């Protein structure tokens, strides 16, 4: 677990995993990504797609329990033109949202201010995502 904590990996499935975004839009911003390095949706196997969908669902349930957001942005950026930040590695963003946070991202010195450290987010989300992933059969 020490390496996973350092890497901010909150849950490992057999084909994919859940990781905190190192540069979150909001506290609790996570990504679900396959172990295999693939760039396109069509490069994923159906088994990878199904497991990732289950992990997105488990992550949403965990985030609701831990943070009680008012909504979510769930999405994929494929290719540089679409804003993909990790070129060539497919991942699904799960971003909790609250009323009043849209179109306003407080920045200081070019860095977005998040009210919680990644370490604290990790400690809160890891057990919740683990429990919800087990319920999903992942």
N, C-alpha and C. Protein backbone atom coordinates (compact mmCIF):
# COMPACT_ATOMS: atom_id res chain seq x y z
N UNK A 1 0.81 -1.20 0.00
CA UNK A 1 0.00 0.00 0.00
C UNK A 1 0.85 1.27 0.00
N UNK A 2 2.05 1.22 0.52
CA UNK A 2 2.91 2.39 0.56
C UNK A 2 3.13 3.00 -0.80
N UNK A 3 3.43 2.15 -1.80
CA UNK A 3 3.63 2.64 -3.16
C UNK A 3 2.34 3.18 -3.74
N UNK A 4 1.22 2.50 -3.47
CA UNK A 4 -0.07 2.98 -3.97
C UNK A 4 -0.41 4.33 -3.34
N UNK A 5 -0.13 4.51 -2.07
CA UNK A 5 -0.40 5.79 -1.42
C UNK A 5 0.44 6.90 -2.06
N UNK A 6 1.70 6.60 -2.32
CA UNK A 6 2.58 7.57 -2.97
C UNK A 6 2.09 7.93 -4.37
N UNK A 7 1.61 6.91 -5.08
CA UNK A 7 1.11 7.10 -6.45
C UNK A 7 -0.34 7.59 -6.47
N UNK A 8 -0.97 7.67 -5.30
CA UNK A 8 -2.36 8.11 -5.15
C UNK A 8 -3.36 7.15 -5.78
N UNK A 9 -3.01 5.86 -5.84
CA UNK A 9 -3.92 4.84 -6.37
C UNK A 9 -4.82 4.38 -5.24
N UNK A 10 -6.13 4.67 -5.36
CA UNK A 10 -7.06 4.35 -4.29
C UNK A 10 -7.66 2.96 -4.42
N UNK A 11 -7.63 2.39 -5.64
CA UNK A 11 -8.17 1.03 -5.81
C UNK A 11 -7.58 0.39 -7.05
N UNK A 12 -7.29 -0.91 -6.94
CA UNK A 12 -6.79 -1.68 -8.08
C UNK A 12 -7.76 -2.79 -8.42
N UNK A 13 -8.27 -2.79 -9.64
CA UNK A 13 -9.03 -3.91 -10.16
C UNK A 13 -8.07 -4.85 -10.87
N UNK A 14 -8.59 -5.82 -11.58
CA UNK A 14 -7.71 -6.74 -12.30
C UNK A 14 -7.25 -6.16 -13.64
N UNK A 15 -8.02 -5.26 -14.23
CA UNK A 15 -7.69 -4.70 -15.55
C UNK A 15 -7.51 -3.18 -15.54
N UNK A 16 -7.95 -2.55 -14.47
CA UNK A 16 -7.90 -1.09 -14.39
C UNK A 16 -7.83 -0.64 -12.93
N UNK A 17 -7.60 0.65 -12.74
CA UNK A 17 -7.47 1.15 -11.37
C UNK A 17 -8.03 2.56 -11.25
N UNK A 18 -8.22 2.99 -10.00
CA UNK A 18 -8.74 4.31 -9.67
C UNK A 18 -7.61 5.10 -9.02
N UNK A 19 -7.37 6.29 -9.54
CA UNK A 19 -6.26 7.12 -9.05
C UNK A 19 -6.74 8.55 -8.85
N UNK A 20 -6.20 9.22 -7.83
CA UNK A 20 -6.50 10.64 -7.66
C UNK A 20 -5.78 11.44 -8.74
N UNK A 21 -6.42 12.49 -9.21
CA UNK A 21 -5.77 13.40 -10.15
C UNK A 21 -4.81 14.27 -9.34
N UNK A 22 -3.54 14.33 -9.75
CA UNK A 22 -2.55 15.13 -9.03
C UNK A 22 -2.82 16.62 -9.14
N UNK A 23 -3.59 17.02 -10.14
CA UNK A 23 -3.93 18.43 -10.34
C UNK A 23 -5.46 18.54 -10.43
N UNK A 24 -6.13 18.32 -9.30
CA UNK A 24 -7.60 18.19 -9.32
C UNK A 24 -8.32 19.50 -9.61
N UNK A 25 -9.47 19.37 -10.29
CA UNK A 25 -10.37 20.51 -10.48
C UNK A 25 -11.09 20.81 -9.17
N UNK A 26 -11.38 19.76 -8.41
CA UNK A 26 -12.04 19.86 -7.10
C UNK A 26 -11.50 18.75 -6.21
N UNK A 27 -11.69 18.87 -4.91
CA UNK A 27 -11.34 17.78 -4.01
C UNK A 27 -12.13 16.54 -4.41
N UNK A 28 -11.46 15.40 -4.48
CA UNK A 28 -12.12 14.16 -4.86
C UNK A 28 -12.05 13.84 -6.34
N UNK A 29 -11.40 14.69 -7.14
CA UNK A 29 -11.28 14.45 -8.59
C UNK A 29 -10.42 13.20 -8.81
N UNK A 30 -11.04 12.18 -9.38
CA UNK A 30 -10.33 10.93 -9.63
C UNK A 30 -10.36 10.58 -11.10
N UNK A 31 -9.54 9.59 -11.45
CA UNK A 31 -9.53 9.06 -12.81
C UNK A 31 -9.56 7.55 -12.73
N UNK A 32 -10.24 6.94 -13.68
CA UNK A 32 -10.27 5.49 -13.82
C UNK A 32 -9.53 5.18 -15.11
N UNK A 33 -8.53 4.31 -15.03
CA UNK A 33 -7.66 4.07 -16.19
C UNK A 33 -7.26 2.60 -16.28
N UNK A 34 -7.08 2.09 -17.48
CA UNK A 34 -6.65 0.70 -17.62
C UNK A 34 -5.15 0.57 -17.31
N UNK A 35 -4.73 -0.63 -16.94
CA UNK A 35 -3.30 -0.87 -16.77
C UNK A 35 -2.58 -0.78 -18.11
N UNK A 36 -3.24 -1.32 -19.15
CA UNK A 36 -2.63 -1.28 -20.48
C UNK A 36 -2.56 0.16 -20.97
N UNK A 37 -1.49 0.46 -21.66
CA UNK A 37 -1.30 1.79 -22.23
C UNK A 37 -1.99 1.84 -23.59
N UNK A 38 -3.18 2.42 -23.63
CA UNK A 38 -3.92 2.57 -24.88
C UNK A 38 -4.39 4.02 -25.01
N UNK A 39 -4.49 4.49 -26.25
CA UNK A 39 -4.85 5.88 -26.48
C UNK A 39 -6.32 6.08 -26.80
N UNK A 40 -6.94 5.09 -27.39
CA UNK A 40 -8.29 5.25 -27.93
C UNK A 40 -9.28 4.32 -27.26
N UNK A 41 -10.52 4.74 -27.20
CA UNK A 41 -11.59 3.91 -26.64
C UNK A 41 -11.66 2.58 -27.36
N UNK A 42 -11.55 2.60 -28.68
CA UNK A 42 -11.67 1.36 -29.45
C UNK A 42 -10.49 0.41 -29.25
N UNK A 43 -9.43 0.87 -28.60
CA UNK A 43 -8.29 -0.01 -28.30
C UNK A 43 -8.52 -0.84 -27.04
N UNK A 44 -9.53 -0.48 -26.25
CA UNK A 44 -9.84 -1.22 -25.02
C UNK A 44 -10.61 -2.49 -25.35
N UNK A 45 -10.40 -3.53 -24.54
CA UNK A 45 -11.21 -4.74 -24.68
C UNK A 45 -12.55 -4.49 -24.01
N UNK A 46 -13.53 -5.31 -24.34
CA UNK A 46 -14.84 -5.17 -23.69
C UNK A 46 -14.73 -5.45 -22.19
N UNK A 47 -13.85 -6.37 -21.79
CA UNK A 47 -13.65 -6.63 -20.37
C UNK A 47 -13.10 -5.40 -19.66
N UNK A 48 -12.15 -4.70 -20.30
CA UNK A 48 -11.61 -3.47 -19.70
C UNK A 48 -12.70 -2.40 -19.59
N UNK A 49 -13.49 -2.25 -20.64
CA UNK A 49 -14.56 -1.26 -20.62
C UNK A 49 -15.56 -1.55 -19.50
N UNK A 50 -15.94 -2.81 -19.36
CA UNK A 50 -16.90 -3.18 -18.32
C UNK A 50 -16.34 -2.93 -16.92
N UNK A 51 -15.08 -3.32 -16.70
CA UNK A 51 -14.50 -3.09 -15.37
C UNK A 51 -14.38 -1.60 -15.10
N UNK A 52 -13.95 -0.83 -16.08
CA UNK A 52 -13.83 0.61 -15.88
C UNK A 52 -15.19 1.24 -15.58
N UNK A 53 -16.24 0.79 -16.26
CA UNK A 53 -17.59 1.31 -15.99
C UNK A 53 -18.00 1.00 -14.56
N UNK A 54 -17.70 -0.20 -14.10
CA UNK A 54 -18.03 -0.56 -12.71
C UNK A 54 -17.24 0.29 -11.73
N UNK A 55 -15.98 0.58 -12.05
CA UNK A 55 -15.17 1.41 -11.16
C UNK A 55 -15.62 2.87 -11.17
N UNK A 56 -16.09 3.36 -12.30
CA UNK A 56 -16.67 4.71 -12.33
C UNK A 56 -17.90 4.75 -11.44
N UNK A 57 -18.75 3.74 -11.57
CA UNK A 57 -19.97 3.67 -10.74
C UNK A 57 -19.61 3.58 -9.25
N UNK A 58 -18.65 2.74 -8.90
CA UNK A 58 -18.22 2.61 -7.51
C UNK A 58 -17.63 3.93 -7.00
N UNK A 59 -16.88 4.61 -7.86
CA UNK A 59 -16.27 5.88 -7.47
C UNK A 59 -17.32 6.94 -7.21
N UNK A 60 -18.34 7.00 -8.06
CA UNK A 60 -19.43 7.97 -7.86
C UNK A 60 -20.12 7.71 -6.52
N UNK A 61 -20.40 6.45 -6.24
CA UNK A 61 -21.06 6.11 -4.96
C UNK A 61 -20.18 6.50 -3.78
N UNK A 62 -18.88 6.22 -3.88
CA UNK A 62 -17.95 6.57 -2.79
C UNK A 62 -17.87 8.08 -2.62
N UNK A 63 -17.76 8.81 -3.72
CA UNK A 63 -17.68 10.27 -3.65
C UNK A 63 -18.95 10.86 -3.05
N UNK A 64 -20.11 10.31 -3.39
CA UNK A 64 -21.37 10.79 -2.81
C UNK A 64 -21.36 10.61 -1.30
N UNK A 65 -20.86 9.45 -0.86
CA UNK A 65 -20.85 9.16 0.57
C UNK A 65 -19.86 10.05 1.32
N UNK A 66 -18.68 10.26 0.75
CA UNK A 66 -17.62 10.99 1.44
C UNK A 66 -17.79 12.50 1.34
N UNK A 67 -18.18 13.01 0.17
CA UNK A 67 -18.19 14.46 -0.06
C UNK A 67 -19.58 15.07 -0.27
N UNK A 68 -20.59 14.26 -0.54
CA UNK A 68 -21.95 14.75 -0.79
C UNK A 68 -22.00 15.87 -1.83
N UNK A 69 -21.41 15.64 -3.01
CA UNK A 69 -21.47 16.68 -4.05
C UNK A 69 -22.88 16.84 -4.60
N UNK A 70 -23.12 17.96 -5.26
CA UNK A 70 -24.42 18.22 -5.87
C UNK A 70 -24.53 17.62 -7.27
N UNK A 71 -23.40 17.24 -7.85
CA UNK A 71 -23.39 16.66 -9.19
C UNK A 71 -22.00 16.17 -9.55
N UNK A 72 -21.84 15.74 -10.79
CA UNK A 72 -20.57 15.21 -11.27
C UNK A 72 -20.34 15.61 -12.72
N UNK A 73 -19.07 15.77 -13.07
CA UNK A 73 -18.65 15.75 -14.46
C UNK A 73 -17.92 14.42 -14.63
N UNK A 74 -18.35 13.63 -15.60
CA UNK A 74 -17.69 12.36 -15.91
C UNK A 74 -17.37 12.41 -17.39
N UNK A 75 -16.09 12.28 -17.73
CA UNK A 75 -15.76 12.41 -19.14
C UNK A 75 -14.38 11.95 -19.53
N UNK A 76 -14.18 11.97 -20.84
CA UNK A 76 -12.94 11.49 -21.45
C UNK A 76 -12.47 12.53 -22.45
N UNK A 77 -11.19 12.85 -22.44
CA UNK A 77 -10.57 13.71 -23.44
C UNK A 77 -9.63 12.83 -24.26
N UNK A 78 -9.94 12.63 -25.53
CA UNK A 78 -9.11 11.77 -26.38
C UNK A 78 -8.41 12.65 -27.41
N UNK A 79 -7.09 12.67 -27.35
CA UNK A 79 -6.29 13.46 -28.29
C UNK A 79 -5.98 14.85 -27.77
N UNK A 80 -4.87 15.38 -28.25
CA UNK A 80 -4.41 16.70 -27.82
C UNK A 80 -5.44 17.79 -28.10
N UNK A 81 -6.09 17.72 -29.26
CA UNK A 81 -7.08 18.73 -29.63
C UNK A 81 -8.27 18.75 -28.67
N UNK A 82 -8.53 17.63 -28.02
CA UNK A 82 -9.65 17.53 -27.07
C UNK A 82 -9.23 17.86 -25.65
N UNK A 83 -7.95 18.16 -25.46
CA UNK A 83 -7.48 18.52 -24.14
C UNK A 83 -6.91 17.39 -23.31
N UNK A 84 -6.57 16.27 -23.96
CA UNK A 84 -5.99 15.14 -23.23
C UNK A 84 -4.68 15.57 -22.57
N UNK A 85 -4.62 15.47 -21.25
CA UNK A 85 -3.43 15.88 -20.51
C UNK A 85 -2.37 14.80 -20.44
N UNK A 86 -2.79 13.55 -20.50
CA UNK A 86 -1.85 12.43 -20.49
C UNK A 86 -1.94 11.80 -21.87
N UNK A 87 -1.10 12.27 -22.76
CA UNK A 87 -1.17 11.84 -24.16
C UNK A 87 -1.00 10.33 -24.28
N UNK A 88 -1.89 9.73 -25.04
CA UNK A 88 -1.75 8.31 -25.34
C UNK A 88 -2.19 7.37 -24.24
N UNK A 89 -2.76 7.89 -23.14
CA UNK A 89 -3.23 6.98 -22.09
C UNK A 89 -4.68 7.29 -21.76
N UNK A 90 -5.56 6.41 -22.19
CA UNK A 90 -7.00 6.56 -21.99
C UNK A 90 -7.33 6.57 -20.50
N UNK A 91 -8.17 7.51 -20.08
CA UNK A 91 -8.65 7.54 -18.70
C UNK A 91 -9.97 8.30 -18.65
N UNK A 92 -10.76 7.98 -17.64
CA UNK A 92 -12.06 8.62 -17.44
C UNK A 92 -11.98 9.50 -16.20
N UNK A 93 -12.31 10.77 -16.36
CA UNK A 93 -12.34 11.70 -15.22
C UNK A 93 -13.68 11.58 -14.51
N UNK A 94 -13.63 11.58 -13.19
CA UNK A 94 -14.83 11.66 -12.35
C UNK A 94 -14.60 12.84 -11.42
N UNK A 95 -15.34 13.92 -11.66
CA UNK A 95 -15.12 15.17 -10.92
C UNK A 95 -16.39 15.53 -10.14
N UNK A 96 -16.31 15.50 -8.80
CA UNK A 96 -17.47 15.95 -8.01
C UNK A 96 -17.64 17.45 -8.16
N UNK A 97 -18.92 17.89 -8.21
CA UNK A 97 -19.20 19.31 -8.38
C UNK A 97 -20.20 19.77 -7.32
N UNK A 98 -20.08 21.04 -6.95
CA UNK A 98 -20.99 21.66 -6.00
C UNK A 98 -21.56 22.93 -6.61
N UNK A 99 -22.78 23.25 -6.24
CA UNK A 99 -23.38 24.50 -6.72
C UNK A 99 -22.44 25.66 -6.39
N UNK A 100 -22.23 26.51 -7.35
CA UNK A 100 -21.38 27.67 -7.12
C UNK A 100 -19.93 27.47 -7.47
N UNK A 101 -19.49 26.24 -7.76
CA UNK A 101 -18.07 26.05 -8.09
C UNK A 101 -17.79 26.18 -9.58
N UNK A 102 -18.82 26.14 -10.42
CA UNK A 102 -18.60 26.15 -11.86
C UNK A 102 -18.15 27.53 -12.34
N UNK A 103 -17.29 27.49 -13.33
CA UNK A 103 -16.74 28.69 -13.96
C UNK A 103 -15.97 29.58 -13.00
N UNK A 104 -15.58 29.05 -11.86
CA UNK A 104 -14.76 29.82 -10.93
C UNK A 104 -13.75 28.89 -10.29
N UNK A 105 -12.51 29.09 -10.64
CA UNK A 105 -11.45 28.28 -10.05
C UNK A 105 -10.43 29.24 -9.46
N UNK A 106 -10.44 29.35 -8.15
CA UNK A 106 -9.53 30.24 -7.46
C UNK A 106 -8.09 29.79 -7.69
N UNK A 107 -7.27 30.70 -8.20
CA UNK A 107 -5.86 30.37 -8.40
C UNK A 107 -5.00 31.40 -7.69
N UNK A 108 -3.88 30.92 -7.17
CA UNK A 108 -2.89 31.77 -6.54
C UNK A 108 -1.55 31.38 -7.14
N UNK A 109 -0.87 32.32 -7.76
CA UNK A 109 0.42 32.01 -8.36
C UNK A 109 0.33 30.95 -9.44
N UNK A 110 -0.78 30.93 -10.19
CA UNK A 110 -0.94 29.96 -11.27
C UNK A 110 -1.35 28.58 -10.82
N UNK A 111 -1.66 28.40 -9.54
CA UNK A 111 -2.04 27.10 -9.00
C UNK A 111 -3.44 27.18 -8.41
N UNK A 112 -4.29 26.24 -8.77
CA UNK A 112 -5.65 26.22 -8.21
C UNK A 112 -5.59 25.88 -6.72
N UNK A 113 -6.37 26.58 -5.96
CA UNK A 113 -6.43 26.35 -4.52
C UNK A 113 -7.50 25.30 -4.23
N UNK A 114 -7.09 24.19 -3.64
CA UNK A 114 -8.00 23.11 -3.26
C UNK A 114 -8.03 23.07 -1.73
N UNK A 115 -9.21 22.97 -1.12
CA UNK A 115 -9.30 23.08 0.33
C UNK A 115 -8.82 21.85 1.10
N UNK A 116 -8.30 20.85 0.41
CA UNK A 116 -7.90 19.61 1.08
C UNK A 116 -6.66 19.05 0.41
N UNK A 117 -5.74 18.52 1.20
CA UNK A 117 -4.53 17.92 0.62
C UNK A 117 -4.86 16.61 -0.08
N UNK A 118 -4.04 16.23 -1.05
CA UNK A 118 -4.24 14.95 -1.73
C UNK A 118 -4.14 13.78 -0.76
N UNK A 119 -3.27 13.90 0.23
CA UNK A 119 -3.12 12.84 1.23
C UNK A 119 -4.41 12.65 2.03
N UNK A 120 -5.04 13.76 2.42
CA UNK A 120 -6.31 13.67 3.15
C UNK A 120 -7.41 13.09 2.26
N UNK A 121 -7.44 13.53 1.01
CA UNK A 121 -8.42 12.99 0.06
C UNK A 121 -8.23 11.49 -0.09
N UNK A 122 -6.97 11.05 -0.23
CA UNK A 122 -6.65 9.63 -0.37
C UNK A 122 -7.17 8.84 0.83
N UNK A 123 -6.89 9.33 2.03
CA UNK A 123 -7.31 8.63 3.25
C UNK A 123 -8.83 8.51 3.35
N UNK A 124 -9.54 9.52 2.89
CA UNK A 124 -11.00 9.49 2.94
C UNK A 124 -11.59 8.56 1.88
N UNK A 125 -11.03 8.63 0.67
CA UNK A 125 -11.64 7.91 -0.45
C UNK A 125 -11.25 6.44 -0.55
N UNK A 126 -10.03 6.08 -0.16
CA UNK A 126 -9.58 4.70 -0.34
C UNK A 126 -10.54 3.68 0.26
N UNK A 127 -10.90 3.77 1.54
CA UNK A 127 -11.82 2.76 2.08
C UNK A 127 -13.20 2.80 1.44
N UNK A 128 -13.67 3.98 1.09
CA UNK A 128 -15.01 4.09 0.49
C UNK A 128 -15.03 3.49 -0.91
N UNK A 129 -14.00 3.76 -1.72
CA UNK A 129 -13.93 3.19 -3.07
C UNK A 129 -13.76 1.68 -2.99
N UNK A 130 -12.92 1.21 -2.07
CA UNK A 130 -12.74 -0.25 -1.90
C UNK A 130 -14.06 -0.93 -1.60
N UNK A 131 -14.83 -0.37 -0.68
CA UNK A 131 -16.11 -0.97 -0.30
C UNK A 131 -17.09 -0.97 -1.48
N UNK A 132 -17.19 0.14 -2.18
CA UNK A 132 -18.13 0.23 -3.30
C UNK A 132 -17.68 -0.65 -4.47
N UNK A 133 -16.38 -0.77 -4.70
CA UNK A 133 -15.89 -1.63 -5.78
C UNK A 133 -16.21 -3.09 -5.49
N UNK A 134 -16.08 -3.49 -4.23
CA UNK A 134 -16.44 -4.87 -3.86
C UNK A 134 -17.92 -5.12 -4.13
N UNK A 135 -18.77 -4.15 -3.81
CA UNK A 135 -20.20 -4.28 -4.07
C UNK A 135 -20.49 -4.42 -5.56
N UNK A 136 -19.65 -3.79 -6.39
CA UNK A 136 -19.82 -3.87 -7.85
C UNK A 136 -19.21 -5.15 -8.42
N UNK A 137 -18.54 -5.92 -7.57
CA UNK A 137 -17.93 -7.16 -8.03
C UNK A 137 -16.60 -6.98 -8.73
N UNK A 138 -15.92 -5.89 -8.42
CA UNK A 138 -14.61 -5.61 -9.03
C UNK A 138 -13.52 -5.90 -8.02
